[in-house]
Amino acid sequence: MRAHGYVRPRSGRLLAGVVAGLARKWDVNVWLLRLLFVVVPGPQIIAYVVLWAGMPTEE
């Protein structure tokens, strides 16, 4: 995932930094993405845990 630019940042994260890392990669406002993550129904919890396990922390 690191080769494609998906990393969890060390700063600006609330929980594990998954949404912050996705927002940075996709060039989207982090708060907008967090809001969508909470409001839109779907399997976000499962996706978050999988991404948390798979996304490395930035160096």
PDB file of N, CA and C in Angstrom:
ATOM      1  N   MET A   1       0.815  -1.181   0.000  1.00  0.00           N
ATOM      2  CA  MET A   1       0.000   0.000   0.000  1.00  0.00           C
ATOM      3  C   MET A   1       0.866   1.255   0.000  1.00  0.00           C
ATOM      4  N   ARG A   2       2.017   1.162   0.657  1.00  0.00           N
ATOM      5  CA  ARG A   2       2.894   2.334   0.716  1.00  0.00           C
ATOM      6  C   ARG A   2       3.336   2.759  -0.679  1.00  0.00           C
ATOM      7  N   ALA A   3       3.570   1.801  -1.568  1.00  0.00           N
ATOM      8  CA  ALA A   3       4.028   2.113  -2.923  1.00  0.00           C
ATOM      9  C   ALA A   3       2.990   2.928  -3.695  1.00  0.00           C
ATOM     10  N   HIS A   4       1.729   2.789  -3.323  1.00  0.00           N
ATOM     11  CA  HIS A   4       0.658   3.519  -3.994  1.00  0.00           C
ATOM     12  C   HIS A   4       0.288   4.802  -3.259  1.00  0.00           C
ATOM     13  N   GLY A   5       0.979   5.119  -2.179  1.00  0.00           N
ATOM     14  CA  GLY A   5       0.759   6.362  -1.455  1.00  0.00           C
ATOM     15  C   GLY A   5      -0.252   6.279  -0.327  1.00  0.00           C
ATOM     16  N   TYR A   6      -0.681   5.076   0.018  1.00  0.00           N
ATOM     17  CA  TYR A   6      -1.631   4.915   1.114  1.00  0.00           C
ATOM     18  C   TYR A   6      -0.871   4.675   2.410  1.00  0.00           C
ATOM     19  N   VAL A   7      -0.778   5.712   3.221  1.00  0.00           N
ATOM     20  CA  VAL A   7      -0.123   5.615   4.524  1.00  0.00           C
ATOM     21  C   VAL A   7      -0.958   6.369   5.552  1.00  0.00           C
ATOM     22  N   ARG A   8      -0.855   5.932   6.802  1.00  0.00           N
ATOM     23  CA  ARG A   8      -1.534   6.624   7.897  1.00  0.00           C
ATOM     24  C   ARG A   8      -0.588   7.684   8.440  1.00  0.00           C
ATOM     25  N   PRO A   9      -1.005   8.956   8.436  1.00  0.00           N
ATOM     26  CA  PRO A   9      -0.106  10.017   8.905  1.00  0.00           C
ATOM     27  C   PRO A   9       0.102   9.950  10.410  1.00  0.00           C
ATOM     28  N   ARG A  10       1.218  10.492  10.854  1.00  0.00           N
ATOM     29  CA  ARG A  10       1.495  10.536  12.288  1.00  0.00           C
ATOM     30  C   ARG A  10       0.785  11.715  12.948  1.00  0.00           C
ATOM     31  N   SER A  11       0.501  12.765  12.188  1.00  0.00           N
ATOM     32  CA  SER A  11      -0.180  13.933  12.750  1.00  0.00           C
ATOM     33  C   SER A  11      -1.524  14.127  12.053  1.00  0.00           C
ATOM     34  N   GLY A  12      -2.470  14.709  12.765  1.00  0.00           N
ATOM     35  CA  GLY A  12      -3.772  15.003  12.196  1.00  0.00           C
ATOM     36  C   GLY A  12      -4.735  13.836  12.190  1.00  0.00           C
ATOM     37  N   ARG A  13      -4.460  12.834  12.979  1.00  0.00           N
ATOM     38  CA  ARG A  13      -5.350  11.683  13.006  1.00  0.00           C
ATOM     39  C   ARG A  13      -6.145  11.669  14.302  1.00  0.00           C
ATOM     40  N   LEU A  14      -7.356  11.098  14.211  1.00  0.00           N
ATOM     41  CA  LEU A  14      -8.206  11.009  15.401  1.00  0.00           C
ATOM     42  C   LEU A  14      -8.083   9.646  16.067  1.00  0.00           C
ATOM     43  N   LEU A  15      -8.315   8.602  15.333  1.00  0.00           N
ATOM     44  CA  LEU A  15      -8.177   7.256  15.898  1.00  0.00           C
ATOM     45  C   LEU A  15      -6.867   6.652  15.421  1.00  0.00           C
ATOM     46  N   ALA A  16      -6.917   5.967  14.308  1.00  0.00           N
ATOM     47  CA  ALA A  16      -5.711   5.310  13.796  1.00  0.00           C
ATOM     48  C   ALA A  16      -5.131   6.036  12.588  1.00  0.00           C
ATOM     49  N   GLY A  17      -5.852   7.016  12.054  1.00  0.00           N
ATOM     50  CA  GLY A  17      -5.348   7.773  10.926  1.00  0.00           C
ATOM     51  C   GLY A  17      -5.739   7.234   9.564  1.00  0.00           C
ATOM     52  N   VAL A  18      -6.639   6.264   9.534  1.00  0.00           N
ATOM     53  CA  VAL A  18      -7.042   5.669   8.258  1.00  0.00           C
ATOM     54  C   VAL A  18      -7.741   6.703   7.375  1.00  0.00           C
ATOM     55  N   VAL A  19      -8.731   7.397   7.923  1.00  0.00           N
ATOM     56  CA  VAL A  19      -9.483   8.378   7.131  1.00  0.00           C
ATOM     57  C   VAL A  19      -8.582   9.550   6.751  1.00  0.00           C
ATOM     58  N   ALA A  20      -7.704   9.967   7.649  1.00  0.00           N
ATOM     59  CA  ALA A  20      -6.771  11.050   7.338  1.00  0.00           C
ATOM     60  C   ALA A  20      -5.832  10.647   6.195  1.00  0.00           C
ATOM     61  N   GLY A  21      -5.387   9.410   6.205  1.00  0.00           N
ATOM     62  CA  GLY A  21      -4.523   8.927   5.120  1.00  0.00           C
ATOM     63  C   GLY A  21      -5.245   8.858   3.794  1.00  0.00           C
ATOM     64  N   LEU A  22      -6.497   8.401   3.819  1.00  0.00           N
ATOM     65  CA  LEU A  22      -7.286   8.358   2.587  1.00  0.00           C
ATOM     66  C   LEU A  22      -7.559   9.761   2.068  1.00  0.00           C
ATOM     67  N   ALA A  23      -7.886  10.684   2.970  1.00  0.00           N
ATOM     68  CA  ALA A  23      -8.153  12.066   2.561  1.00  0.00           C
ATOM     69  C   ALA A  23      -6.921  12.707   1.932  1.00  0.00           C
ATOM     70  N   ARG A  24      -5.767  12.436   2.508  1.00  0.00           N
ATOM     71  CA  ARG A  24      -4.529  12.988   1.957  1.00  0.00           C
ATOM     72  C   ARG A  24      -4.241  12.404   0.564  1.00  0.00           C
ATOM     73  N   LYS A  25      -4.416  11.097   0.412  1.00  0.00           N
ATOM     74  CA  LYS A  25      -4.145  10.434  -0.866  1.00  0.00           C
ATOM     75  C   LYS A  25      -5.094  10.914  -1.952  1.00  0.00           C
ATOM     76  N   TRP A  26      -6.391  11.040  -1.609  1.00  0.00           N
ATOM     77  CA  TRP A  26      -7.404  11.430  -2.591  1.00  0.00           C
ATOM     78  C   TRP A  26      -7.560  12.935  -2.712  1.00  0.00           C
ATOM     79  N   ASP A  27      -6.799  13.718  -1.943  1.00  0.00           N
ATOM     80  CA  ASP A  27      -6.856  15.185  -1.960  1.00  0.00           C
ATOM     81  C   ASP A  27      -8.275  15.685  -1.684  1.00  0.00           C
ATOM     82  N   VAL A  28      -8.839  15.185  -0.575  1.00  0.00           N
ATOM     83  CA  VAL A  28     -10.179  15.539  -0.127  1.00  0.00           C
ATOM     84  C   VAL A  28     -10.069  16.106   1.280  1.00  0.00           C
ATOM     85  N   ASN A  29     -10.970  17.012   1.640  1.00  0.00           N
ATOM     86  CA  ASN A  29     -10.992  17.560   2.985  1.00  0.00           C
ATOM     87  C   ASN A  29     -11.214  16.423   3.980  1.00  0.00           C
ATOM     88  N   VAL A  30     -10.355  16.325   4.972  1.00  0.00           N
ATOM     89  CA  VAL A  30     -10.412  15.214   5.921  1.00  0.00           C
ATOM     90  C   VAL A  30     -11.722  15.215   6.709  1.00  0.00           C
ATOM     91  N   TRP A  31     -12.240  16.382   7.070  1.00  0.00           N
ATOM     92  CA  TRP A  31     -13.484  16.430   7.838  1.00  0.00           C
ATOM     93  C   TRP A  31     -14.679  16.025   6.993  1.00  0.00           C
ATOM     94  N   LEU A  32     -14.664  16.338   5.718  1.00  0.00           N
ATOM     95  CA  LEU A  32     -15.735  15.899   4.823  1.00  0.00           C
ATOM     96  C   LEU A  32     -15.727  14.378   4.719  1.00  0.00           C
ATOM     97  N   LEU A  33     -14.565  13.793   4.564  1.00  0.00           N
ATOM     98  CA  LEU A  33     -14.460  12.336   4.463  1.00  0.00           C
ATOM     99  C   LEU A  33     -14.870  11.667   5.778  1.00  0.00           C
ATOM    100  N   ARG A  34     -14.499  12.260   6.904  1.00  0.00           N
ATOM    101  CA  ARG A  34     -14.910  11.714   8.200  1.00  0.00           C
ATOM    102  C   ARG A  34     -16.422  11.763   8.355  1.00  0.00           C
ATOM    103  N   LEU A  35     -17.019  12.869   7.936  1.00  0.00           N
ATOM    104  CA  LEU A  35     -18.474  13.001   8.002  1.00  0.00           C
ATOM    105  C   LEU A  35     -19.159  11.957   7.131  1.00  0.00           C
ATOM    106  N   LEU A  36     -18.678  11.785   5.908  1.00  0.00           N
ATOM    107  CA  LEU A  36     -19.241  10.770   5.022  1.00  0.00           C
ATOM    108  C   LEU A  36     -19.071   9.376   5.598  1.00  0.00           C
ATOM    109  N   PHE A  37     -17.954   9.144   6.232  1.00  0.00           N
ATOM    110  CA  PHE A  37     -17.678   7.830   6.811  1.00  0.00           C
ATOM    111  C   PHE A  37     -18.677   7.497   7.906  1.00  0.00           C
ATOM    112  N   VAL A  38     -19.114   8.509   8.653  1.00  0.00           N
ATOM    113  CA  VAL A  38     -20.046   8.289   9.758  1.00  0.00           C
ATOM    114  C   VAL A  38     -21.495   8.270   9.284  1.00  0.00           C
ATOM    115  N   VAL A  39     -21.852   9.139   8.335  1.00  0.00           N
ATOM    116  CA  VAL A  39     -23.248   9.331   7.938  1.00  0.00           C
ATOM    117  C   VAL A  39     -23.736   8.304   6.921  1.00  0.00           C
ATOM    118  N   VAL A  40     -22.928   7.994   5.933  1.00  0.00           N
ATOM    119  CA  VAL A  40     -23.353   7.093   4.855  1.00  0.00           C
ATOM    120  C   VAL A  40     -23.362   5.653   5.364  1.00  0.00           C
ATOM    121  N   PRO A  41     -24.485   4.959   5.211  1.00  0.00           N
ATOM    122  CA  PRO A  41     -24.540   3.577   5.694  1.00  0.00           C
ATOM    123  C   PRO A  41     -23.682   2.634   4.847  1.00  0.00           C
ATOM    124  N   GLY A  42     -23.148   1.629   5.475  1.00  0.00           N
ATOM    125  CA  GLY A  42     -22.319   0.654   4.768  1.00  0.00           C
ATOM    126  C   GLY A  42     -21.380  -0.052   5.725  1.00  0.00           C
ATOM    127  N   PRO A  43     -20.477  -0.812   5.188  1.00  0.00           N
ATOM    128  CA  PRO A  43     -19.562  -1.612   6.017  1.00  0.00           C
ATOM    129  C   PRO A  43     -18.293  -0.850   6.430  1.00  0.00           C
ATOM    130  N   GLN A  44     -18.456   0.377   6.891  1.00  0.00           N
ATOM    131  CA  GLN A  44     -17.288   1.204   7.219  1.00  0.00           C
ATOM    132  C   GLN A  44     -16.432   0.627   8.340  1.00  0.00           C
ATOM    133  N   ILE A  45     -17.056   0.042   9.332  1.00  0.00           N
ATOM    134  CA  ILE A  45     -16.283  -0.474  10.467  1.00  0.00           C
ATOM    135  C   ILE A  45     -15.354  -1.595  10.008  1.00  0.00           C
ATOM    136  N   ILE A  46     -15.866  -2.474   9.180  1.00  0.00           N
ATOM    137  CA  ILE A  46     -15.042  -3.571   8.661  1.00  0.00           C
ATOM    138  C   ILE A  46     -13.930  -3.012   7.778  1.00  0.00           C
ATOM    139  N   ALA A  47     -14.281  -2.078   6.900  1.00  0.00           N
ATOM    140  CA  ALA A  47     -13.279  -1.471   6.016  1.00  0.00           C
ATOM    141  C   ALA A  47     -12.208  -0.745   6.825  1.00  0.00           C
ATOM    142  N   TYR A  48     -12.620  -0.041   7.886  1.00  0.00           N
ATOM    143  CA  TYR A  48     -11.675   0.692   8.709  1.00  0.00           C
ATOM    144  C   TYR A  48     -10.666  -0.256   9.358  1.00  0.00           C
ATOM    145  N   VAL A  49     -11.159  -1.353   9.904  1.00  0.00           N
ATOM    146  CA  VAL A  49     -10.276  -2.319  10.564  1.00  0.00           C
ATOM    147  C   VAL A  49      -9.315  -2.953   9.558  1.00  0.00           C
ATOM    148  N   VAL A  50      -9.824  -3.296   8.380  1.00  0.00           N
ATOM    149  CA  VAL A  50      -8.964  -3.889   7.340  1.00  0.00           C
ATOM    150  C   VAL A  50      -7.903  -2.890   6.901  1.00  0.00           C
ATOM    151  N   LEU A  51      -8.300  -1.639   6.683  1.00  0.00           N
ATOM    152  CA  LEU A  51      -7.327  -0.620   6.272  1.00  0.00           C
ATOM    153  C   LEU A  51      -6.339  -0.311   7.398  1.00  0.00           C
ATOM    154  N   TRP A  52      -6.809  -0.309   8.616  1.00  0.00           N
ATOM    155  CA  TRP A  52      -5.925  -0.070   9.760  1.00  0.00           C
ATOM    156  C   TRP A  52      -4.827  -1.139   9.792  1.00  0.00           C
ATOM    157  N   ALA A  53      -5.206  -2.371   9.530  1.00  0.00           N
ATOM    158  CA  ALA A  53      -4.226  -3.456   9.533  1.00  0.00           C
ATOM    159  C   ALA A  53      -3.301  -3.406   8.319  1.00  0.00           C
ATOM    160  N   GLY A  54      -3.813  -2.903   7.191  1.00  0.00           N
ATOM    161  CA  GLY A  54      -3.045  -2.945   5.955  1.00  0.00           C
ATOM    162  C   GLY A  54      -2.255  -1.693   5.625  1.00  0.00           C
ATOM    163  N   MET A  55      -2.678  -0.537   6.150  1.00  0.00           N
ATOM    164  CA  MET A  55      -1.986   0.714   5.838  1.00  0.00           C
ATOM    165  C   MET A  55      -0.833   0.950   6.809  1.00  0.00           C
ATOM    166  N   PRO A  56       0.364   1.106   6.286  1.00  0.00           N
ATOM    167  CA  PRO A  56       1.490   1.380   7.173  1.00  0.00           C
ATOM    168  C   PRO A  56       1.457   2.833   7.665  1.00  0.00           C
ATOM    169  N   THR A  57       2.114   3.074   8.793  1.00  0.00           N
ATOM    170  CA  THR A  57       2.248   4.435   9.315  1.00  0.00           C
ATOM    171  C   THR A  57       3.354   5.127   8.536  1.00  0.00           C
ATOM    172  N   GLU A  58       3.130   6.412   8.256  1.00  0.00           N
ATOM    173  CA  GLU A  58       4.153   7.151   7.501  1.00  0.00           C
ATOM    174  C   GLU A  58       5.444   7.237   8.300  1.00  0.00           C
ATOM    175  N   GLU A  59       6.533   7.291   7.597  1.00  0.00           N
ATOM    176  CA  GLU A  59       7.860   7.297   8.240  1.00  0.00           C
ATOM    177  C   GLU A  59       8.239   8.658   8.716  1.00  0.00           C
TER     178      GLU A  59
END
